[in-house]
């Protein structure tokens, strides 16, 4: 059977480009979800976690990964105005993508709210932030030497406090090193330990019966 002469051949390599339309407070350029859906994902992630939020969304047929939830939260955070912090802050690292990309989060100890999210977890990014916040007097941090040196360099008069978890780690390591210095690592017990005093030799009369 032949094709009709008026039928035009189809070019399978043709690429159709559709332009996205931005609707105020509904969608944005290059967005894969509406603003209302993004608000729901952010609220769910704040109430649960990024991993839990992704699992719940997938159960609701909304395909999103844990990393996409983190990127969405970070994007929403950067749209907010710069938050002001008090004189006491907490500094810790977190994972944008576990075992790949890490960042630094700074929390106001008075309000328990994040005031800054830094792209990396080294001392350089923390130094740049501290230069603009020299009113800080107290810093709660983990045992990372990069954070300690950055705080000491920019805020030499600030008090550095180790949190409870890392205090416990320091105590356990101190106890472990002390015990290892007193007790040898390998304690060997002879195979015949304790048998020479309780078992009499064959043919030797028992002293208890001789009395």
N, C-alpha and C. Protein backbone atom coordinates (compact mmCIF):
# COMPACT_ATOMS: atom_id res chain seq x y z
N UNK A 1 0.84 -1.19 0.00
CA UNK A 1 0.00 0.00 0.00
C UNK A 1 0.88 1.24 0.00
N UNK A 2 0.56 2.20 -0.78
CA UNK A 2 1.33 3.41 -0.89
C UNK A 2 0.68 4.54 -0.13
N UNK A 3 1.50 5.52 0.23
CA UNK A 3 0.98 6.68 0.94
C UNK A 3 0.35 7.65 -0.03
N UNK A 4 -0.58 8.42 0.45
CA UNK A 4 -1.22 9.43 -0.39
C UNK A 4 -0.21 10.51 -0.74
N UNK A 5 -0.35 11.09 -1.89
CA UNK A 5 0.61 12.09 -2.36
C UNK A 5 0.57 13.37 -1.54
N UNK A 6 -0.59 13.70 -0.96
CA UNK A 6 -0.69 14.94 -0.21
C UNK A 6 -0.21 14.82 1.23
N UNK A 7 0.22 13.63 1.63
CA UNK A 7 0.70 13.45 2.99
C UNK A 7 2.16 13.86 3.07
N UNK A 8 2.46 14.77 4.00
CA UNK A 8 3.82 15.29 4.13
C UNK A 8 4.65 14.37 5.02
N UNK A 9 5.91 14.18 4.66
CA UNK A 9 6.77 13.33 5.51
C UNK A 9 7.00 13.97 6.88
N UNK A 10 7.12 13.13 7.88
CA UNK A 10 7.33 13.59 9.25
C UNK A 10 8.81 13.55 9.58
N UNK A 11 9.33 14.67 10.07
CA UNK A 11 10.73 14.75 10.49
C UNK A 11 10.82 14.41 11.96
N UNK A 12 11.34 13.22 12.25
CA UNK A 12 11.40 12.77 13.64
C UNK A 12 12.44 13.53 14.45
N UNK A 13 13.34 14.27 13.82
CA UNK A 13 14.38 14.99 14.53
C UNK A 13 13.95 16.41 14.89
N UNK A 14 12.73 16.77 14.58
CA UNK A 14 12.27 18.11 14.89
C UNK A 14 12.09 18.27 16.40
N UNK A 15 12.60 19.36 16.95
CA UNK A 15 12.51 19.63 18.38
C UNK A 15 11.53 20.77 18.58
N UNK A 16 10.50 20.52 19.37
CA UNK A 16 9.50 21.53 19.67
C UNK A 16 9.86 22.20 21.00
N UNK A 17 10.02 23.49 20.99
CA UNK A 17 10.37 24.24 22.19
C UNK A 17 9.15 25.02 22.64
N UNK A 18 8.76 24.80 23.89
CA UNK A 18 7.61 25.52 24.44
C UNK A 18 8.11 26.51 25.47
N UNK A 19 7.61 27.70 25.43
CA UNK A 19 8.02 28.76 26.34
C UNK A 19 7.16 28.71 27.59
N UNK A 20 7.84 28.76 28.75
CA UNK A 20 7.10 28.73 30.01
C UNK A 20 6.46 30.09 30.26
N UNK A 21 5.32 30.06 30.87
CA UNK A 21 4.57 31.27 31.17
C UNK A 21 4.57 31.45 32.68
N UNK A 22 4.95 32.62 33.13
CA UNK A 22 4.99 32.91 34.56
C UNK A 22 3.68 33.53 34.99
N UNK A 23 3.06 32.93 35.97
CA UNK A 23 1.83 33.45 36.55
C UNK A 23 2.15 33.93 37.95
N UNK A 24 1.82 35.15 38.24
CA UNK A 24 2.19 35.74 39.53
C UNK A 24 1.63 34.92 40.69
N UNK A 25 2.54 34.53 41.62
CA UNK A 25 2.21 33.78 42.83
C UNK A 25 1.66 32.38 42.54
N UNK A 26 1.81 31.90 41.29
CA UNK A 26 1.37 30.54 40.96
C UNK A 26 2.55 29.70 40.48
N UNK A 27 3.31 30.20 39.54
CA UNK A 27 4.46 29.48 39.02
C UNK A 27 5.56 30.47 38.70
N UNK A 28 6.77 29.93 38.42
CA UNK A 28 7.90 30.77 38.06
C UNK A 28 8.62 30.16 36.87
N UNK A 29 9.61 30.90 36.36
CA UNK A 29 10.35 30.42 35.21
C UNK A 29 11.12 29.15 35.53
N UNK A 30 11.07 28.20 34.61
CA UNK A 30 11.79 26.93 34.73
C UNK A 30 11.39 26.15 35.97
N UNK A 31 10.24 26.40 36.50
CA UNK A 31 9.78 25.68 37.68
C UNK A 31 9.05 24.41 37.30
N UNK A 32 9.29 23.34 38.05
CA UNK A 32 8.63 22.06 37.81
C UNK A 32 7.42 21.85 38.72
N UNK A 33 7.15 22.81 39.59
CA UNK A 33 6.00 22.71 40.46
C UNK A 33 5.47 24.11 40.73
N UNK A 34 4.23 24.18 41.13
CA UNK A 34 3.64 25.48 41.44
C UNK A 34 4.16 25.98 42.78
N UNK A 35 3.95 27.25 43.03
CA UNK A 35 4.39 27.83 44.30
C UNK A 35 3.65 27.20 45.48
N UNK A 36 2.41 26.86 45.26
CA UNK A 36 1.65 26.23 46.33
C UNK A 36 2.21 24.85 46.66
N UNK A 37 2.61 24.11 45.61
CA UNK A 37 3.21 22.79 45.84
C UNK A 37 4.57 22.94 46.52
N UNK A 38 5.34 23.94 46.12
CA UNK A 38 6.64 24.16 46.75
C UNK A 38 6.48 24.54 48.21
N UNK A 39 5.45 25.34 48.52
CA UNK A 39 5.18 25.68 49.92
C UNK A 39 4.85 24.44 50.74
N UNK A 40 4.08 23.53 50.15
CA UNK A 40 3.72 22.30 50.85
C UNK A 40 4.95 21.44 51.11
N UNK A 41 5.84 21.31 50.11
CA UNK A 41 7.05 20.51 50.28
C UNK A 41 7.94 21.09 51.36
N UNK A 42 8.11 22.42 51.36
CA UNK A 42 8.95 23.06 52.38
C UNK A 42 8.37 22.89 53.77
N UNK A 43 7.06 23.06 53.90
CA UNK A 43 6.42 22.90 55.20
C UNK A 43 6.56 21.47 55.70
N UNK A 44 6.39 20.50 54.79
CA UNK A 44 6.50 19.10 55.18
C UNK A 44 7.93 18.75 55.58
N UNK A 45 8.92 19.31 54.87
CA UNK A 45 10.32 19.05 55.20
C UNK A 45 10.69 19.65 56.55
N UNK A 46 10.15 20.82 56.88
CA UNK A 46 10.45 21.45 58.17
C UNK A 46 9.82 20.68 59.32
N UNK A 47 8.66 20.05 59.09
CA UNK A 47 7.98 19.31 60.14
C UNK A 47 8.57 17.92 60.33
N UNK A 48 9.08 17.31 59.26
CA UNK A 48 9.63 15.96 59.35
C UNK A 48 11.14 16.00 59.13
N UNK A 49 11.56 15.72 57.91
CA UNK A 49 12.95 15.81 57.49
C UNK A 49 12.95 15.78 55.96
N UNK A 50 14.10 16.06 55.37
CA UNK A 50 14.16 16.05 53.91
C UNK A 50 13.93 14.64 53.36
N UNK A 51 14.49 13.64 54.02
CA UNK A 51 14.29 12.26 53.57
C UNK A 51 12.85 11.82 53.78
N UNK A 52 12.29 12.14 54.95
CA UNK A 52 10.90 11.78 55.21
C UNK A 52 9.94 12.52 54.30
N UNK A 53 10.24 13.78 54.01
CA UNK A 53 9.40 14.56 53.10
C UNK A 53 9.39 13.94 51.72
N UNK A 54 10.56 13.52 51.23
CA UNK A 54 10.62 12.91 49.89
C UNK A 54 9.83 11.60 49.84
N UNK A 55 9.89 10.80 50.90
CA UNK A 55 9.14 9.54 50.91
C UNK A 55 7.64 9.79 50.91
N UNK A 56 7.20 10.76 51.70
CA UNK A 56 5.76 11.07 51.75
C UNK A 56 5.29 11.61 50.41
N UNK A 57 6.10 12.48 49.79
CA UNK A 57 5.72 13.04 48.49
C UNK A 57 5.64 11.96 47.42
N UNK A 58 6.57 11.02 47.44
CA UNK A 58 6.52 9.94 46.45
C UNK A 58 5.31 9.06 46.67
N UNK A 59 4.90 8.88 47.93
CA UNK A 59 3.68 8.11 48.20
C UNK A 59 2.45 8.85 47.68
N UNK A 60 2.54 10.17 47.58
CA UNK A 60 1.45 10.99 47.04
C UNK A 60 1.59 11.21 45.54
N UNK A 61 2.48 10.41 44.88
CA UNK A 61 2.70 10.49 43.43
C UNK A 61 3.37 11.80 43.02
N UNK A 62 4.07 12.43 43.93
CA UNK A 62 4.83 13.63 43.63
C UNK A 62 6.31 13.23 43.65
N UNK A 63 6.88 13.10 42.46
CA UNK A 63 8.23 12.59 42.34
C UNK A 63 9.25 13.67 42.69
N UNK A 64 9.94 13.48 43.80
CA UNK A 64 10.97 14.41 44.26
C UNK A 64 11.95 13.64 45.12
N UNK A 65 13.22 14.00 45.03
CA UNK A 65 14.27 13.32 45.80
C UNK A 65 14.65 14.12 47.02
N UNK A 66 15.43 13.50 47.90
CA UNK A 66 15.88 14.19 49.10
C UNK A 66 16.75 15.39 48.76
N UNK A 67 17.62 15.24 47.76
CA UNK A 67 18.49 16.35 47.37
C UNK A 67 17.68 17.51 46.79
N UNK A 68 16.62 17.20 46.07
CA UNK A 68 15.78 18.27 45.52
C UNK A 68 15.07 19.03 46.63
N UNK A 69 14.68 18.33 47.69
CA UNK A 69 14.05 19.01 48.83
C UNK A 69 15.04 19.96 49.49
N UNK A 70 16.30 19.52 49.65
CA UNK A 70 17.32 20.39 50.25
C UNK A 70 17.56 21.61 49.37
N UNK A 71 17.64 21.40 48.05
CA UNK A 71 17.87 22.53 47.15
C UNK A 71 16.70 23.51 47.19
N UNK A 72 15.49 22.98 47.31
CA UNK A 72 14.31 23.85 47.38
C UNK A 72 14.32 24.67 48.67
N UNK A 73 14.66 24.03 49.79
CA UNK A 73 14.74 24.76 51.06
C UNK A 73 15.82 25.84 51.02
N UNK A 74 16.97 25.49 50.44
CA UNK A 74 18.06 26.47 50.34
C UNK A 74 17.67 27.64 49.46
N UNK A 75 16.99 27.35 48.36
CA UNK A 75 16.55 28.42 47.46
C UNK A 75 15.56 29.34 48.15
N UNK A 76 14.61 28.75 48.88
CA UNK A 76 13.64 29.57 49.61
C UNK A 76 14.32 30.39 50.70
N UNK A 77 15.31 29.81 51.35
CA UNK A 77 15.99 30.53 52.42
C UNK A 77 16.73 31.75 51.88
N UNK A 78 17.39 31.60 50.73
CA UNK A 78 18.16 32.71 50.17
C UNK A 78 17.28 33.84 49.67
N UNK A 79 15.99 33.59 49.44
CA UNK A 79 15.09 34.65 49.02
C UNK A 79 14.66 35.53 50.19
N UNK A 80 14.85 35.03 51.42
CA UNK A 80 14.46 35.80 52.60
C UNK A 80 15.50 36.88 52.90
N UNK A 81 15.12 37.94 53.55
CA UNK A 81 16.10 38.97 53.95
C UNK A 81 17.08 38.41 54.97
N UNK A 82 18.25 39.03 55.03
CA UNK A 82 19.29 38.56 55.95
C UNK A 82 18.81 38.70 57.39
N UNK A 83 18.88 37.60 58.12
CA UNK A 83 18.40 37.60 59.51
C UNK A 83 19.49 38.12 60.43
N UNK A 84 19.08 38.82 61.47
CA UNK A 84 20.00 39.34 62.47
C UNK A 84 20.09 38.36 63.63
N UNK A 85 21.27 38.21 64.16
CA UNK A 85 21.48 37.27 65.26
C UNK A 85 21.91 38.04 66.50
N UNK A 86 21.79 37.36 67.64
CA UNK A 86 22.19 37.96 68.90
C UNK A 86 23.66 37.74 69.18
N UNK A 87 24.02 37.86 70.43
CA UNK A 87 25.43 37.73 70.82
C UNK A 87 25.86 36.28 71.02
N UNK A 88 24.92 35.34 71.04
CA UNK A 88 25.24 33.91 71.22
C UNK A 88 24.75 33.14 70.00
N UNK A 89 25.65 32.38 69.39
CA UNK A 89 25.31 31.60 68.20
C UNK A 89 25.82 30.18 68.35
N UNK A 90 25.28 29.29 67.54
CA UNK A 90 25.75 27.92 67.44
C UNK A 90 26.18 27.63 66.02
N UNK A 91 27.30 26.95 65.84
CA UNK A 91 27.87 26.66 64.53
C UNK A 91 28.03 25.15 64.39
N UNK A 92 27.56 24.61 63.28
CA UNK A 92 27.70 23.18 63.03
C UNK A 92 27.66 22.95 61.53
N UNK A 93 28.12 21.77 61.11
CA UNK A 93 28.09 21.43 59.69
C UNK A 93 26.91 20.52 59.39
N UNK A 94 26.52 20.46 58.13
CA UNK A 94 25.43 19.59 57.68
C UNK A 94 25.72 19.20 56.24
N UNK A 95 24.97 18.23 55.74
CA UNK A 95 25.23 17.69 54.41
C UNK A 95 24.15 18.16 53.44
N UNK A 96 24.58 18.86 52.38
CA UNK A 96 23.68 19.10 51.26
C UNK A 96 23.41 17.77 50.56
N UNK A 97 24.50 17.01 50.34
CA UNK A 97 24.42 15.66 49.78
C UNK A 97 25.43 14.82 50.54
N UNK A 98 24.95 13.81 51.23
CA UNK A 98 25.79 13.04 52.15
C UNK A 98 26.99 12.45 51.43
N UNK A 99 28.16 12.61 52.06
CA UNK A 99 29.45 12.13 51.57
C UNK A 99 29.93 12.86 50.32
N UNK A 100 29.27 13.95 49.94
CA UNK A 100 29.70 14.70 48.77
C UNK A 100 29.85 16.19 49.06
N UNK A 101 28.75 16.85 49.42
CA UNK A 101 28.76 18.31 49.59
C UNK A 101 28.24 18.65 50.97
N UNK A 102 29.02 19.48 51.69
CA UNK A 102 28.66 19.87 53.05
C UNK A 102 28.63 21.40 53.17
N UNK A 103 27.91 21.87 54.14
CA UNK A 103 27.82 23.30 54.40
C UNK A 103 27.86 23.57 55.89
N UNK A 104 27.71 24.84 56.25
CA UNK A 104 27.73 25.27 57.64
C UNK A 104 26.44 26.00 57.97
N UNK A 105 25.84 25.66 59.08
CA UNK A 105 24.63 26.34 59.53
C UNK A 105 24.93 27.09 60.82
N UNK A 106 24.41 28.30 60.92
CA UNK A 106 24.60 29.15 62.09
C UNK A 106 23.22 29.44 62.69
N UNK A 107 23.07 29.17 63.98
CA UNK A 107 21.78 29.27 64.65
C UNK A 107 21.89 30.28 65.78
N UNK A 108 20.87 31.09 65.92
CA UNK A 108 20.79 32.03 67.05
C UNK A 108 20.37 31.25 68.29
N UNK A 109 21.21 31.28 69.32
CA UNK A 109 20.93 30.51 70.53
C UNK A 109 19.72 31.04 71.30
N UNK A 110 19.39 32.31 71.14
CA UNK A 110 18.27 32.89 71.87
C UNK A 110 16.93 32.48 71.26
N UNK A 111 16.85 32.48 69.93
CA UNK A 111 15.60 32.16 69.24
C UNK A 111 15.56 30.74 68.71
N UNK A 112 16.72 30.05 68.69
CA UNK A 112 16.82 28.69 68.15
C UNK A 112 16.40 28.65 66.68
N UNK A 113 16.69 29.71 65.96
CA UNK A 113 16.36 29.78 64.54
C UNK A 113 17.64 29.97 63.72
N UNK A 114 17.71 29.35 62.53
CA UNK A 114 18.89 29.55 61.67
C UNK A 114 18.98 31.00 61.20
N UNK A 115 20.17 31.54 61.22
CA UNK A 115 20.40 32.91 60.75
C UNK A 115 21.28 32.94 59.51
N UNK A 116 21.98 31.85 59.20
CA UNK A 116 22.84 31.83 58.02
C UNK A 116 23.11 30.39 57.63
N UNK A 117 23.21 30.16 56.33
CA UNK A 117 23.62 28.88 55.77
C UNK A 117 24.78 29.16 54.83
N UNK A 118 25.94 28.62 55.13
CA UNK A 118 27.15 28.85 54.33
C UNK A 118 27.38 27.66 53.41
N UNK A 119 27.97 27.94 52.25
CA UNK A 119 28.10 26.92 51.22
C UNK A 119 29.08 25.82 51.58
N UNK A 120 30.08 26.12 52.38
CA UNK A 120 31.10 25.12 52.72
C UNK A 120 31.22 25.00 54.24
N UNK A 121 32.02 24.04 54.67
CA UNK A 121 32.22 23.84 56.11
C UNK A 121 33.66 24.09 56.53
N UNK A 122 34.38 24.87 55.74
CA UNK A 122 35.74 25.21 56.12
C UNK A 122 35.76 26.54 56.88
N UNK A 123 36.94 26.94 57.32
CA UNK A 123 37.03 28.15 58.11
C UNK A 123 36.92 29.43 57.31
N UNK A 124 37.17 29.39 56.01
CA UNK A 124 37.16 30.60 55.21
C UNK A 124 35.76 31.22 55.13
N UNK A 125 34.75 30.40 54.86
CA UNK A 125 33.39 30.92 54.77
C UNK A 125 32.90 31.44 56.12
N UNK A 126 33.30 30.76 57.20
CA UNK A 126 32.91 31.22 58.53
C UNK A 126 33.60 32.54 58.87
N UNK A 127 34.84 32.72 58.45
CA UNK A 127 35.55 33.98 58.71
C UNK A 127 34.83 35.15 58.05
N UNK A 128 34.40 34.96 56.79
CA UNK A 128 33.72 36.04 56.07
C UNK A 128 32.42 36.42 56.78
N UNK A 129 31.72 35.44 57.33
CA UNK A 129 30.47 35.75 58.03
C UNK A 129 30.76 36.44 59.36
N UNK A 130 31.78 36.00 60.07
CA UNK A 130 32.09 36.59 61.37
C UNK A 130 32.59 38.03 61.24
N UNK A 131 33.22 38.36 60.12
CA UNK A 131 33.69 39.74 59.92
C UNK A 131 32.54 40.73 59.90
N UNK A 132 31.36 40.26 59.46
CA UNK A 132 30.18 41.13 59.42
C UNK A 132 29.32 41.01 60.67
N UNK A 133 29.74 40.17 61.62
CA UNK A 133 28.96 39.97 62.85
C UNK A 133 29.91 39.91 64.05
N UNK A 134 30.66 40.98 64.24
CA UNK A 134 31.64 41.00 65.32
C UNK A 134 31.03 41.27 66.68
N UNK A 135 29.71 41.41 66.73
CA UNK A 135 29.06 41.59 68.03
C UNK A 135 28.86 40.28 68.77
N UNK A 136 29.18 39.16 68.13
CA UNK A 136 29.00 37.84 68.74
C UNK A 136 30.00 37.67 69.89
N UNK A 137 29.51 37.22 71.03
CA UNK A 137 30.33 37.05 72.23
C UNK A 137 30.51 35.58 72.62
N UNK A 138 29.54 34.73 72.25
CA UNK A 138 29.59 33.32 72.64
C UNK A 138 29.28 32.46 71.43
N UNK A 139 30.09 31.42 71.23
CA UNK A 139 29.92 30.52 70.08
C UNK A 139 29.93 29.08 70.59
N UNK A 140 28.85 28.37 70.32
CA UNK A 140 28.78 26.94 70.60
C UNK A 140 29.11 26.19 69.33
N UNK A 141 30.06 25.28 69.38
CA UNK A 141 30.53 24.61 68.17
C UNK A 141 30.89 23.17 68.47
N UNK A 142 31.22 22.43 67.39
CA UNK A 142 31.71 21.07 67.57
C UNK A 142 33.23 21.11 67.70
N UNK A 143 33.87 19.96 67.52
CA UNK A 143 35.32 19.89 67.75
C UNK A 143 36.13 20.17 66.49
N UNK A 144 35.53 20.67 65.44
CA UNK A 144 36.25 20.92 64.20
C UNK A 144 37.30 22.01 64.41
N UNK A 145 38.53 21.73 64.03
CA UNK A 145 39.61 22.69 64.22
C UNK A 145 39.46 23.89 63.30
N UNK A 146 38.82 23.71 62.13
CA UNK A 146 38.64 24.82 61.20
C UNK A 146 37.75 25.90 61.82
N UNK A 147 36.66 25.49 62.48
CA UNK A 147 35.79 26.45 63.15
C UNK A 147 36.52 27.13 64.30
N UNK A 148 37.26 26.36 65.07
CA UNK A 148 37.95 26.91 66.23
C UNK A 148 38.96 27.98 65.83
N UNK A 149 39.77 27.69 64.82
CA UNK A 149 40.78 28.65 64.39
C UNK A 149 40.15 29.89 63.77
N UNK A 150 39.04 29.73 63.05
CA UNK A 150 38.36 30.88 62.44
C UNK A 150 37.80 31.80 63.51
N UNK A 151 37.18 31.23 64.53
CA UNK A 151 36.62 32.05 65.61
C UNK A 151 37.73 32.73 66.39
N UNK A 152 38.81 32.01 66.65
CA UNK A 152 39.92 32.59 67.41
C UNK A 152 40.58 33.73 66.65
N UNK A 153 40.62 33.64 65.33
CA UNK A 153 41.26 34.68 64.53
C UNK A 153 40.40 35.94 64.42
N UNK A 154 39.10 35.77 64.17
CA UNK A 154 38.23 36.93 63.95
C UNK A 154 37.69 37.47 65.27
N UNK A 155 37.33 36.58 66.18
CA UNK A 155 36.77 37.00 67.47
C UNK A 155 37.61 36.42 68.61
N UNK A 156 38.78 36.97 68.86
CA UNK A 156 39.65 36.38 69.90
C UNK A 156 39.08 36.46 71.31
N UNK A 157 38.19 37.41 71.55
CA UNK A 157 37.62 37.57 72.90
C UNK A 157 36.33 36.77 73.09
N UNK A 158 35.84 36.13 72.04
CA UNK A 158 34.59 35.37 72.15
C UNK A 158 34.83 34.06 72.90
N UNK A 159 33.83 33.67 73.67
CA UNK A 159 33.90 32.41 74.42
C UNK A 159 33.43 31.26 73.53
N UNK A 160 34.26 30.22 73.41
CA UNK A 160 33.92 29.05 72.61
C UNK A 160 33.49 27.92 73.54
N UNK A 161 32.33 27.36 73.26
CA UNK A 161 31.73 26.34 74.12
C UNK A 161 31.51 25.08 73.30
N UNK A 162 31.96 23.94 73.81
CA UNK A 162 31.70 22.65 73.16
C UNK A 162 30.33 22.15 73.60
N UNK A 163 29.57 21.62 72.68
CA UNK A 163 28.24 21.15 73.02
C UNK A 163 28.32 19.84 73.80
N UNK A 164 27.17 19.40 74.32
CA UNK A 164 27.13 18.25 75.23
C UNK A 164 27.60 16.97 74.55
N UNK A 165 27.22 16.77 73.31
CA UNK A 165 27.60 15.55 72.60
C UNK A 165 29.11 15.43 72.48
N UNK A 166 29.78 16.53 72.11
CA UNK A 166 31.22 16.47 71.93
C UNK A 166 31.95 16.48 73.27
N UNK A 167 31.33 17.02 74.31
CA UNK A 167 31.92 16.88 75.64
C UNK A 167 31.96 15.41 76.07
N UNK A 168 30.88 14.69 75.79
CA UNK A 168 30.85 13.26 76.08
C UNK A 168 31.92 12.52 75.27
N UNK A 169 32.10 12.91 74.02
CA UNK A 169 33.14 12.28 73.21
C UNK A 169 34.53 12.55 73.79
N UNK A 170 34.77 13.77 74.21
CA UNK A 170 36.07 14.09 74.82
C UNK A 170 36.30 13.27 76.09
N UNK A 171 35.24 13.11 76.92
CA UNK A 171 35.37 12.34 78.15
C UNK A 171 35.65 10.88 77.85
N UNK A 172 34.94 10.31 76.89
CA UNK A 172 35.15 8.90 76.56
C UNK A 172 36.55 8.66 76.00
N UNK A 173 37.04 9.56 75.19
CA UNK A 173 38.38 9.40 74.65
C UNK A 173 39.44 9.53 75.75
N UNK A 174 39.21 10.43 76.71
CA UNK A 174 40.16 10.58 77.81
C UNK A 174 40.18 9.32 78.68
N UNK A 175 39.00 8.78 78.98
CA UNK A 175 38.93 7.54 79.78
C UNK A 175 39.58 6.38 79.03
N UNK A 176 39.32 6.30 77.74
CA UNK A 176 39.89 5.21 76.94
C UNK A 176 41.41 5.27 76.91
N UNK A 177 41.96 6.48 76.71
CA UNK A 177 43.42 6.61 76.67
C UNK A 177 44.04 6.31 78.03
N UNK A 178 43.36 6.68 79.12
CA UNK A 178 43.88 6.40 80.46
C UNK A 178 43.88 4.91 80.76
N UNK A 179 42.79 4.25 80.41
CA UNK A 179 42.70 2.80 80.64
C UNK A 179 43.73 2.06 79.80
N UNK A 180 43.92 2.47 78.56
CA UNK A 180 44.89 1.81 77.69
C UNK A 180 46.32 2.00 78.18
N UNK A 181 46.57 3.11 78.87
CA UNK A 181 47.93 3.33 79.37
C UNK A 181 48.23 2.50 80.61
N UNK A 182 47.20 2.05 81.32
CA UNK A 182 47.40 1.27 82.55
C UNK A 182 47.26 -0.22 82.27
N UNK A 183 46.24 -0.60 81.52
CA UNK A 183 45.98 -2.01 81.24
C UNK A 183 46.52 -2.34 79.85
N UNK A 184 47.30 -3.39 79.72
CA UNK A 184 47.82 -3.76 78.39
C UNK A 184 46.68 -4.12 77.44
N UNK A 185 46.95 -3.94 76.18
CA UNK A 185 45.92 -4.23 75.17
C UNK A 185 45.60 -5.72 75.14
N UNK A 186 46.64 -6.56 75.19
CA UNK A 186 46.45 -8.02 75.15
C UNK A 186 46.68 -8.58 76.55
N UNK A 187 45.66 -9.17 77.12
CA UNK A 187 45.75 -9.84 78.42
C UNK A 187 45.64 -11.34 78.15
N UNK A 188 46.73 -12.05 78.35
CA UNK A 188 46.77 -13.48 78.05
C UNK A 188 46.65 -14.28 79.34
N UNK A 189 45.77 -15.26 79.34
CA UNK A 189 45.54 -16.14 80.49
C UNK A 189 46.04 -17.53 80.13
N UNK A 190 46.95 -18.11 80.92
CA UNK A 190 47.46 -19.46 80.61
C UNK A 190 46.33 -20.48 80.55
N UNK A 191 46.55 -21.50 79.77
CA UNK A 191 45.53 -22.54 79.61
C UNK A 191 45.29 -23.28 80.92
N UNK A 192 46.37 -23.55 81.69
CA UNK A 192 46.24 -24.29 82.94
C UNK A 192 46.09 -23.37 84.15
N UNK A 193 45.62 -22.14 83.94
CA UNK A 193 45.48 -21.19 85.05
C UNK A 193 44.42 -21.69 86.04
N UNK A 194 44.78 -21.80 87.33
CA UNK A 194 43.84 -22.19 88.37
C UNK A 194 43.71 -23.68 88.59
N UNK A 195 44.33 -24.49 87.75
CA UNK A 195 44.19 -25.95 87.92
C UNK A 195 45.21 -26.54 88.87
N UNK A 196 46.37 -25.88 89.05
CA UNK A 196 47.44 -26.44 89.89
C UNK A 196 47.07 -26.43 91.36
N UNK A 197 46.22 -25.53 91.80
CA UNK A 197 45.88 -25.44 93.21
C UNK A 197 44.65 -26.27 93.57
N UNK A 198 43.82 -26.60 92.60
CA UNK A 198 42.58 -27.30 92.92
C UNK A 198 42.63 -28.77 92.60
N UNK A 199 43.48 -29.17 91.68
CA UNK A 199 43.56 -30.58 91.27
C UNK A 199 44.84 -31.18 91.83
N UNK A 200 44.72 -32.28 92.55
CA UNK A 200 45.90 -32.94 93.11
C UNK A 200 46.51 -33.86 92.09
N UNK A 201 47.80 -34.07 92.25
CA UNK A 201 48.52 -34.95 91.32
C UNK A 201 48.11 -36.38 91.60
N UNK A 202 48.10 -37.19 90.55
CA UNK A 202 47.69 -38.59 90.66
C UNK A 202 48.66 -39.33 91.59
N UNK A 203 48.12 -40.03 92.54
CA UNK A 203 48.94 -40.81 93.49
C UNK A 203 49.29 -40.06 94.75
N UNK A 204 49.07 -38.72 94.77
CA UNK A 204 49.40 -37.94 95.97
C UNK A 204 48.22 -37.96 96.91
N UNK A 205 48.40 -38.31 98.19
CA UNK A 205 47.28 -38.36 99.13
C UNK A 205 46.72 -36.96 99.41
N UNK A 206 45.43 -36.92 99.59
CA UNK A 206 44.77 -35.65 99.86
C UNK A 206 45.04 -35.24 101.30
N UNK A 207 45.48 -33.97 101.50
CA UNK A 207 45.81 -33.49 102.84
C UNK A 207 44.57 -33.40 103.72
N UNK A 208 43.42 -33.21 103.17
CA UNK A 208 42.22 -33.09 103.97
C UNK A 208 41.86 -34.42 104.60
N UNK A 209 42.06 -35.52 103.83
CA UNK A 209 41.75 -36.84 104.38
C UNK A 209 42.79 -37.30 105.38
N UNK A 210 44.00 -36.75 105.31
CA UNK A 210 45.04 -37.18 106.25
C UNK A 210 44.85 -36.59 107.62
N UNK A 211 44.09 -35.51 107.75
CA UNK A 211 43.88 -34.89 109.05
C UNK A 211 42.93 -35.70 109.91
